[in-house]
Amino acid sequence: NFLSLHQPIGILFGQAQAHCKALKPYSNDSFFLALLSLTFFPLMFPGIQSLLRETTTAPTSYQVERIMGILFDDVQTGS
């Protein structure tokens, strides 16, 4: 159920926004949709996998690094 995931992620995102100015322009909804598009959608819709440069069968550590880089690269680099 998306709603049961959305609320806890929203709480965490709100806490992150309070500590990181780079996240201020974004909403919980935009973060949630980005997270879903990187994790859930490729698993549920295999056709999406062909659009991704990196395969979803890569090791978990690689996937975590890729997703964190996409979601938080600006935050990590201070941009």
PDB file of N, CA and C in Angstrom:
ATOM      1  N   ASN A   1       0.842  -1.171   0.000  1.00  0.00           N
ATOM      2  CA  ASN A   1       0.000   0.000   0.000  1.00  0.00           C
ATOM      3  C   ASN A   1       0.893   1.243   0.000  1.00  0.00           C
ATOM      4  N   PHE A   2       0.738   2.047  -1.033  1.00  0.00           N
ATOM      5  CA  PHE A   2       1.574   3.244  -1.169  1.00  0.00           C
ATOM      6  C   PHE A   2       1.406   4.212  -0.001  1.00  0.00           C
ATOM      7  N   LEU A   3       0.187   4.364   0.487  1.00  0.00           N
ATOM      8  CA  LEU A   3      -0.046   5.321   1.568  1.00  0.00           C
ATOM      9  C   LEU A   3       0.676   4.914   2.847  1.00  0.00           C
ATOM     10  N   SER A   4       0.753   3.609   3.101  1.00  0.00           N
ATOM     11  CA  SER A   4       1.445   3.171   4.314  1.00  0.00           C
ATOM     12  C   SER A   4       2.947   3.418   4.215  1.00  0.00           C
ATOM     13  N   LEU A   5       3.491   3.500   3.011  1.00  0.00           N
ATOM     14  CA  LEU A   5       4.904   3.835   2.808  1.00  0.00           C
ATOM     15  C   LEU A   5       5.125   5.344   2.786  1.00  0.00           C
ATOM     16  N   HIS A   6       4.171   6.048   2.213  1.00  0.00           N
ATOM     17  CA  HIS A   6       4.317   7.487   2.003  1.00  0.00           C
ATOM     18  C   HIS A   6       4.460   8.242   3.326  1.00  0.00           C
ATOM     19  N   GLN A   7       3.665   7.886   4.309  1.00  0.00           N
ATOM     20  CA  GLN A   7       3.703   8.622   5.580  1.00  0.00           C
ATOM     21  C   GLN A   7       5.048   8.491   6.300  1.00  0.00           C
ATOM     22  N   PRO A   8       5.587   7.275   6.518  1.00  0.00           N
ATOM     23  CA  PRO A   8       6.890   7.200   7.203  1.00  0.00           C
ATOM     24  C   PRO A   8       8.021   7.853   6.410  1.00  0.00           C
ATOM     25  N   ILE A   9       7.986   7.727   5.091  1.00  0.00           N
ATOM     26  CA  ILE A   9       9.009   8.379   4.273  1.00  0.00           C
ATOM     27  C   ILE A   9       8.873   9.890   4.406  1.00  0.00           C
ATOM     28  N   GLY A  10       7.640  10.366   4.488  1.00  0.00           N
ATOM     29  CA  GLY A  10       7.408  11.796   4.669  1.00  0.00           C
ATOM     30  C   GLY A  10       7.982  12.320   5.974  1.00  0.00           C
ATOM     31  N   ILE A  11       7.859  11.542   7.026  1.00  0.00           N
ATOM     32  CA  ILE A  11       8.421  11.943   8.323  1.00  0.00           C
ATOM     33  C   ILE A  11       9.939  12.042   8.222  1.00  0.00           C
ATOM     34  N   LEU A  12      10.554  11.029   7.629  1.00  0.00           N
ATOM     35  CA  LEU A  12      12.013  11.041   7.470  1.00  0.00           C
ATOM     36  C   LEU A  12      12.465  12.183   6.572  1.00  0.00           C
ATOM     37  N   PHE A  13      11.726  12.412   5.479  1.00  0.00           N
ATOM     38  CA  PHE A  13      12.098  13.483   4.565  1.00  0.00           C
ATOM     39  C   PHE A  13      11.969  14.842   5.250  1.00  0.00           C
ATOM     40  N   GLY A  14      10.926  15.018   6.049  1.00  0.00           N
ATOM     41  CA  GLY A  14      10.760  16.269   6.786  1.00  0.00           C
ATOM     42  C   GLY A  14      11.921  16.529   7.735  1.00  0.00           C
ATOM     43  N   GLN A  15      12.388  15.480   8.398  1.00  0.00           N
ATOM     44  CA  GLN A  15      13.538  15.621   9.290  1.00  0.00           C
ATOM     45  C   GLN A  15      14.794  15.965   8.498  1.00  0.00           C
ATOM     46  N   ALA A  16      14.957  15.335   7.338  1.00  0.00           N
ATOM     47  CA  ALA A  16      16.123  15.629   6.495  1.00  0.00           C
ATOM     48  C   ALA A  16      16.078  17.076   6.012  1.00  0.00           C
ATOM     49  N   GLN A  17      14.899  17.559   5.622  1.00  0.00           N
ATOM     50  CA  GLN A  17      14.759  18.948   5.169  1.00  0.00           C
ATOM     51  C   GLN A  17      15.139  19.935   6.261  1.00  0.00           C
ATOM     52  N   ALA A  18      14.818  19.601   7.502  1.00  0.00           N
ATOM     53  CA  ALA A  18      15.129  20.496   8.614  1.00  0.00           C
ATOM     54  C   ALA A  18      16.636  20.654   8.811  1.00  0.00           C
ATOM     55  N   HIS A  19      17.398  19.666   8.359  1.00  0.00           N
ATOM     56  CA  HIS A  19      18.853  19.681   8.554  1.00  0.00           C
ATOM     57  C   HIS A  19      19.638  20.015   7.292  1.00  0.00           C
ATOM     58  N   CYS A  20      18.954  20.074   6.155  1.00  0.00           N
ATOM     59  CA  CYS A  20      19.674  20.255   4.892  1.00  0.00           C
ATOM     60  C   CYS A  20      18.952  21.267   4.006  1.00  0.00           C
ATOM     61  N   LYS A  21      19.567  22.418   3.813  1.00  0.00           N
ATOM     62  CA  LYS A  21      18.962  23.486   3.005  1.00  0.00           C
ATOM     63  C   LYS A  21      18.744  23.058   1.556  1.00  0.00           C
ATOM     64  N   ALA A  22      19.587  22.173   1.041  1.00  0.00           N
ATOM     65  CA  ALA A  22      19.471  21.756  -0.360  1.00  0.00           C
ATOM     66  C   ALA A  22      18.169  21.010  -0.643  1.00  0.00           C
ATOM     67  N   LEU A  23      17.537  20.470   0.385  1.00  0.00           N
ATOM     68  CA  LEU A  23      16.284  19.738   0.195  1.00  0.00           C
ATOM     69  C   LEU A  23      15.051  20.632   0.281  1.00  0.00           C
ATOM     70  N   LYS A  24      15.221  21.887   0.663  1.00  0.00           N
ATOM     71  CA  LYS A  24      14.085  22.800   0.866  1.00  0.00           C
ATOM     72  C   LYS A  24      13.173  22.930  -0.356  1.00  0.00           C
ATOM     73  N   PRO A  25      13.709  22.982  -1.593  1.00  0.00           N
ATOM     74  CA  PRO A  25      12.813  23.171  -2.740  1.00  0.00           C
ATOM     75  C   PRO A  25      11.947  21.953  -3.066  1.00  0.00           C
ATOM     76  N   TYR A  26      12.248  20.826  -2.460  1.00  0.00           N
ATOM     77  CA  TYR A  26      11.558  19.589  -2.815  1.00  0.00           C
ATOM     78  C   TYR A  26      10.467  19.270  -1.809  1.00  0.00           C
ATOM     79  N   SER A  27       9.494  18.497  -2.262  1.00  0.00           N
ATOM     80  CA  SER A  27       8.414  18.079  -1.374  1.00  0.00           C
ATOM     81  C   SER A  27       8.544  16.593  -1.080  1.00  0.00           C
ATOM     82  N   ASN A  28       7.825  16.161  -0.073  1.00  0.00           N
ATOM     83  CA  ASN A  28       7.777  14.748   0.246  1.00  0.00           C
ATOM     84  C   ASN A  28       7.259  13.960  -0.955  1.00  0.00           C
ATOM     85  N   ASP A  29       6.275  14.517  -1.651  1.00  0.00           N
ATOM     86  CA  ASP A  29       5.710  13.827  -2.811  1.00  0.00           C
ATOM     87  C   ASP A  29       6.742  13.632  -3.910  1.00  0.00           C
ATOM     88  N   SER A  30       7.515  14.664  -4.212  1.00  0.00           N
ATOM     89  CA  SER A  30       8.512  14.530  -5.278  1.00  0.00           C
ATOM     90  C   SER A  30       9.589  13.525  -4.887  1.00  0.00           C
ATOM     91  N   PHE A  31       9.992  13.534  -3.617  1.00  0.00           N
ATOM     92  CA  PHE A  31      10.988  12.577  -3.145  1.00  0.00           C
ATOM     93  C   PHE A  31      10.431  11.158  -3.202  1.00  0.00           C
ATOM     94  N   PHE A  32       9.192  10.982  -2.755  1.00  0.00           N
ATOM     95  CA  PHE A  32       8.554   9.667  -2.749  1.00  0.00           C
ATOM     96  C   PHE A  32       8.452   9.109  -4.167  1.00  0.00           C
ATOM     97  N   LEU A  33       8.027   9.925  -5.109  1.00  0.00           N
ATOM     98  CA  LEU A  33       7.913   9.460  -6.495  1.00  0.00           C
ATOM     99  C   LEU A  33       9.276   9.133  -7.094  1.00  0.00           C
ATOM    100  N   ALA A  34      10.280   9.925  -6.780  1.00  0.00           N
ATOM    101  CA  ALA A  34      11.630   9.625  -7.266  1.00  0.00           C
ATOM    102  C   ALA A  34      12.122   8.309  -6.690  1.00  0.00           C
ATOM    103  N   LEU A  35      11.891   8.099  -5.408  1.00  0.00           N
ATOM    104  CA  LEU A  35      12.310   6.854  -4.768  1.00  0.00           C
ATOM    105  C   LEU A  35      11.589   5.656  -5.378  1.00  0.00           C
ATOM    106  N   LEU A  36      10.289   5.778  -5.595  1.00  0.00           N
ATOM    107  CA  LEU A  36       9.537   4.694  -6.226  1.00  0.00           C
ATOM    108  C   LEU A  36      10.032   4.419  -7.639  1.00  0.00           C
ATOM    109  N   SER A  37      10.317   5.467  -8.385  1.00  0.00           N
ATOM    110  CA  SER A  37      10.754   5.271  -9.771  1.00  0.00           C
ATOM    111  C   SER A  37      12.100   4.564  -9.846  1.00  0.00           C
ATOM    112  N   LEU A  38      12.913   4.696  -8.812  1.00  0.00           N
ATOM    113  CA  LEU A  38      14.231   4.055  -8.800  1.00  0.00           C
ATOM    114  C   LEU A  38      14.220   2.655  -8.205  1.00  0.00           C
ATOM    115  N   THR A  39      13.195   2.326  -7.431  1.00  0.00           N
ATOM    116  CA  THR A  39      13.192   1.043  -6.729  1.00  0.00           C
ATOM    117  C   THR A  39      12.034   0.150  -7.152  1.00  0.00           C
ATOM    118  N   PHE A  40      10.830   0.575  -6.898  1.00  0.00           N
ATOM    119  CA  PHE A  40       9.651  -0.257  -7.070  1.00  0.00           C
ATOM    120  C   PHE A  40       9.229  -0.429  -8.531  1.00  0.00           C
ATOM    121  N   PHE A  41       9.175   0.659  -9.264  1.00  0.00           N
ATOM    122  CA  PHE A  41       8.670   0.592 -10.633  1.00  0.00           C
ATOM    123  C   PHE A  41       9.472  -0.342 -11.538  1.00  0.00           C
ATOM    124  N   PRO A  42      10.807  -0.329 -11.498  1.00  0.00           N
ATOM    125  CA  PRO A  42      11.543  -1.268 -12.350  1.00  0.00           C
ATOM    126  C   PRO A  42      11.252  -2.734 -12.021  1.00  0.00           C
ATOM    127  N   LEU A  43      10.925  -3.022 -10.775  1.00  0.00           N
ATOM    128  CA  LEU A  43      10.590  -4.394 -10.394  1.00  0.00           C
ATOM    129  C   LEU A  43       9.196  -4.775 -10.861  1.00  0.00           C
ATOM    130  N   MET A  44       8.255  -3.839 -10.772  1.00  0.00           N
ATOM    131  CA  MET A  44       6.868  -4.110 -11.145  1.00  0.00           C
ATOM    132  C   MET A  44       6.632  -4.049 -12.650  1.00  0.00           C
ATOM    133  N   PHE A  45       7.412  -3.248 -13.335  1.00  0.00           N
ATOM    134  CA  PHE A  45       7.242  -3.070 -14.773  1.00  0.00           C
ATOM    135  C   PHE A  45       8.563  -3.381 -15.467  1.00  0.00           C
ATOM    136  N   PRO A  46       8.805  -4.652 -15.782  1.00  0.00           N
ATOM    137  CA  PRO A  46      10.098  -5.047 -16.342  1.00  0.00           C
ATOM    138  C   PRO A  46      10.501  -4.278 -17.598  1.00  0.00           C
ATOM    139  N   GLY A  47       9.552  -3.752 -18.351  1.00  0.00           N
ATOM    140  CA  GLY A  47       9.886  -2.978 -19.542  1.00  0.00           C
ATOM    141  C   GLY A  47      10.712  -1.748 -19.218  1.00  0.00           C
ATOM    142  N   ILE A  48      10.547  -1.210 -18.022  1.00  0.00           N
ATOM    143  CA  ILE A  48      11.314  -0.037 -17.597  1.00  0.00           C
ATOM    144  C   ILE A  48      12.792  -0.378 -17.482  1.00  0.00           C
ATOM    145  N   GLN A  49      13.092  -1.638 -17.117  1.00  0.00           N
ATOM    146  CA  GLN A  49      14.484  -2.041 -16.935  1.00  0.00           C
ATOM    147  C   GLN A  49      15.302  -1.833 -18.204  1.00  0.00           C
ATOM    148  N   SER A  50      14.674  -1.992 -19.357  1.00  0.00           N
ATOM    149  CA  SER A  50      15.410  -1.811 -20.610  1.00  0.00           C
ATOM    150  C   SER A  50      15.795  -0.349 -20.835  1.00  0.00           C
ATOM    151  N   LEU A  51      15.136   0.574 -20.141  1.00  0.00           N
ATOM    152  CA  LEU A  51      15.449   1.995 -20.270  1.00  0.00           C
ATOM    153  C   LEU A  51      16.576   2.431 -19.338  1.00  0.00           C
ATOM    154  N   LEU A  52      16.895   1.587 -18.364  1.00  0.00           N
ATOM    155  CA  LEU A  52      17.915   1.925 -17.381  1.00  0.00           C
ATOM    156  C   LEU A  52      19.294   1.538 -17.884  1.00  0.00           C
ATOM    157  N   ARG A  53      20.267   2.399 -17.633  1.00  0.00           N
ATOM    158  CA  ARG A  53      21.641   2.075 -18.019  1.00  0.00           C
ATOM    159  C   ARG A  53      22.199   0.975 -17.128  1.00  0.00           C
ATOM    160  N   GLU A  54      21.896   1.042 -15.846  1.00  0.00           N
ATOM    161  CA  GLU A  54      22.377   0.041 -14.910  1.00  0.00           C
ATOM    162  C   GLU A  54      21.284  -0.991 -14.693  1.00  0.00           C
ATOM    163  N   THR A  55      21.654  -2.224 -14.718  1.00  0.00           N
ATOM    164  CA  THR A  55      20.667  -3.282 -14.547  1.00  0.00           C
ATOM    165  C   THR A  55      20.252  -3.407 -13.088  1.00  0.00           C
ATOM    166  N   THR A  56      19.006  -3.793 -12.877  1.00  0.00           N
ATOM    167  CA  THR A  56      18.515  -3.961 -11.513  1.00  0.00           C
ATOM    168  C   THR A  56      18.998  -5.273 -10.912  1.00  0.00           C
ATOM    169  N   THR A  57      19.757  -6.055 -11.669  1.00  0.00           N
ATOM    170  CA  THR A  57      20.320  -7.286 -11.120  1.00  0.00           C
ATOM    171  C   THR A  57      21.718  -7.055 -10.557  1.00  0.00           C
ATOM    172  N   ALA A  58      22.171  -5.831 -10.558  1.00  0.00           N
ATOM    173  CA  ALA A  58      23.480  -5.497  -9.986  1.00  0.00           C
ATOM    174  C   ALA A  58      23.450  -5.770  -8.484  1.00  0.00           C
ATOM    175  N   PRO A  59      24.619  -5.935  -7.866  1.00  0.00           N
ATOM    176  CA  PRO A  59      24.658  -6.187  -6.420  1.00  0.00           C
ATOM    177  C   PRO A  59      23.935  -5.090  -5.633  1.00  0.00           C
ATOM    178  N   THR A  60      23.370  -5.477  -4.514  1.00  0.00           N
ATOM    179  CA  THR A  60      22.606  -4.544  -3.681  1.00  0.00           C
ATOM    180  C   THR A  60      23.426  -3.314  -3.312  1.00  0.00           C
ATOM    181  N   SER A  61      24.689  -3.510  -2.963  1.00  0.00           N
ATOM    182  CA  SER A  61      25.517  -2.365  -2.566  1.00  0.00           C
ATOM    183  C   SER A  61      25.647  -1.359  -3.709  1.00  0.00           C
ATOM    184  N   TYR A  62      25.734  -1.855  -4.939  1.00  0.00           N
ATOM    185  CA  TYR A  62      25.815  -0.967  -6.102  1.00  0.00           C
ATOM    186  C   TYR A  62      24.503  -0.214  -6.280  1.00  0.00           C
ATOM    187  N   GLN A  63      23.385  -0.930  -6.122  1.00  0.00           N
ATOM    188  CA  GLN A  63      22.076  -0.296  -6.280  1.00  0.00           C
ATOM    189  C   GLN A  63      21.868   0.791  -5.226  1.00  0.00           C
ATOM    190  N   VAL A  64      22.259   0.513  -3.992  1.00  0.00           N
ATOM    191  CA  VAL A  64      22.124   1.506  -2.921  1.00  0.00           C
ATOM    192  C   VAL A  64      22.950   2.742  -3.256  1.00  0.00           C
ATOM    193  N   GLU A  65      24.182   2.533  -3.682  1.00  0.00           N
ATOM    194  CA  GLU A  65      25.060   3.655  -4.029  1.00  0.00           C
ATOM    195  C   GLU A  65      24.491   4.465  -5.194  1.00  0.00           C
ATOM    196  N   ARG A  66      23.948   3.778  -6.199  1.00  0.00           N
ATOM    197  CA  ARG A  66      23.369   4.450  -7.365  1.00  0.00           C
ATOM    198  C   ARG A  66      22.153   5.285  -6.966  1.00  0.00           C
ATOM    199  N   ILE A  67      21.250   4.697  -6.189  1.00  0.00           N
ATOM    200  CA  ILE A  67      20.034   5.399  -5.783  1.00  0.00           C
ATOM    201  C   ILE A  67      20.367   6.589  -4.887  1.00  0.00           C
ATOM    202  N   MET A  68      21.253   6.393  -3.932  1.00  0.00           N
ATOM    203  CA  MET A  68      21.649   7.498  -3.048  1.00  0.00           C
ATOM    204  C   MET A  68      22.319   8.612  -3.851  1.00  0.00           C
ATOM    205  N   GLY A  69      23.114   8.240  -4.850  1.00  0.00           N
ATOM    206  CA  GLY A  69      23.769   9.234  -5.690  1.00  0.00           C
ATOM    207  C   GLY A  69      22.777  10.050  -6.499  1.00  0.00           C
ATOM    208  N   ILE A  70      21.762   9.373  -7.025  1.00  0.00           N
ATOM    209  CA  ILE A  70      20.747  10.072  -7.817  1.00  0.00           C
ATOM    210  C   ILE A  70      19.910  10.991  -6.926  1.00  0.00           C
ATOM    211  N   LEU A  71      19.485  10.486  -5.782  1.00  0.00           N
ATOM    212  CA  LEU A  71      18.608  11.267  -4.909  1.00  0.00           C
ATOM    213  C   LEU A  71      19.328  12.372  -4.152  1.00  0.00           C
ATOM    214  N   PHE A  72      20.585  12.128  -3.775  1.00  0.00           N
ATOM    215  CA  PHE A  72      21.247  13.047  -2.864  1.00  0.00           C
ATOM    216  C   PHE A  72      22.562  13.607  -3.375  1.00  0.00           C
ATOM    217  N   ASP A  73      22.874  13.456  -4.651  1.00  0.00           N
ATOM    218  CA  ASP A  73      24.160  13.939  -5.157  1.00  0.00           C
ATOM    219  C   ASP A  73      24.345  15.429  -4.894  1.00  0.00           C
ATOM    220  N   ASP A  74      23.332  16.235  -5.182  1.00  0.00           N
ATOM    221  CA  ASP A  74      23.429  17.681  -4.938  1.00  0.00           C
ATOM    222  C   ASP A  74      23.648  17.976  -3.459  1.00  0.00           C
ATOM    223  N   VAL A  75      23.013  17.185  -2.613  1.00  0.00           N
ATOM    224  CA  VAL A  75      23.139  17.382  -1.171  1.00  0.00           C
ATOM    225  C   VAL A  75      24.549  17.014  -0.721  1.00  0.00           C
ATOM    226  N   GLN A  76      25.059  15.889  -1.222  1.00  0.00           N
ATOM    227  CA  GLN A  76      26.379  15.420  -0.816  1.00  0.00           C
ATOM    228  C   GLN A  76      27.487  16.329  -1.313  1.00  0.00           C
ATOM    229  N   THR A  77      27.312  16.895  -2.507  1.00  0.00           N
ATOM    230  CA  THR A  77      28.358  17.742  -3.071  1.00  0.00           C
ATOM    231  C   THR A  77      28.204  19.204  -2.659  1.00  0.00           C
ATOM    232  N   GLY A  78      27.092  19.519  -2.007  1.00  0.00           N
ATOM    233  CA  GLY A  78      26.865  20.887  -1.548  1.00  0.00           C
ATOM    234  C   GLY A  78      26.335  21.807  -2.622  1.00  0.00           C
ATOM    235  N   SER A  79      25.868  21.241  -3.735  1.00  0.00           N
ATOM    236  CA  SER A  79      25.329  22.064  -4.835  1.00  0.00           C
ATOM    237  C   SER A  79      23.948  22.575  -4.491  1.00  0.00           C
TER     238      SER A  79
END
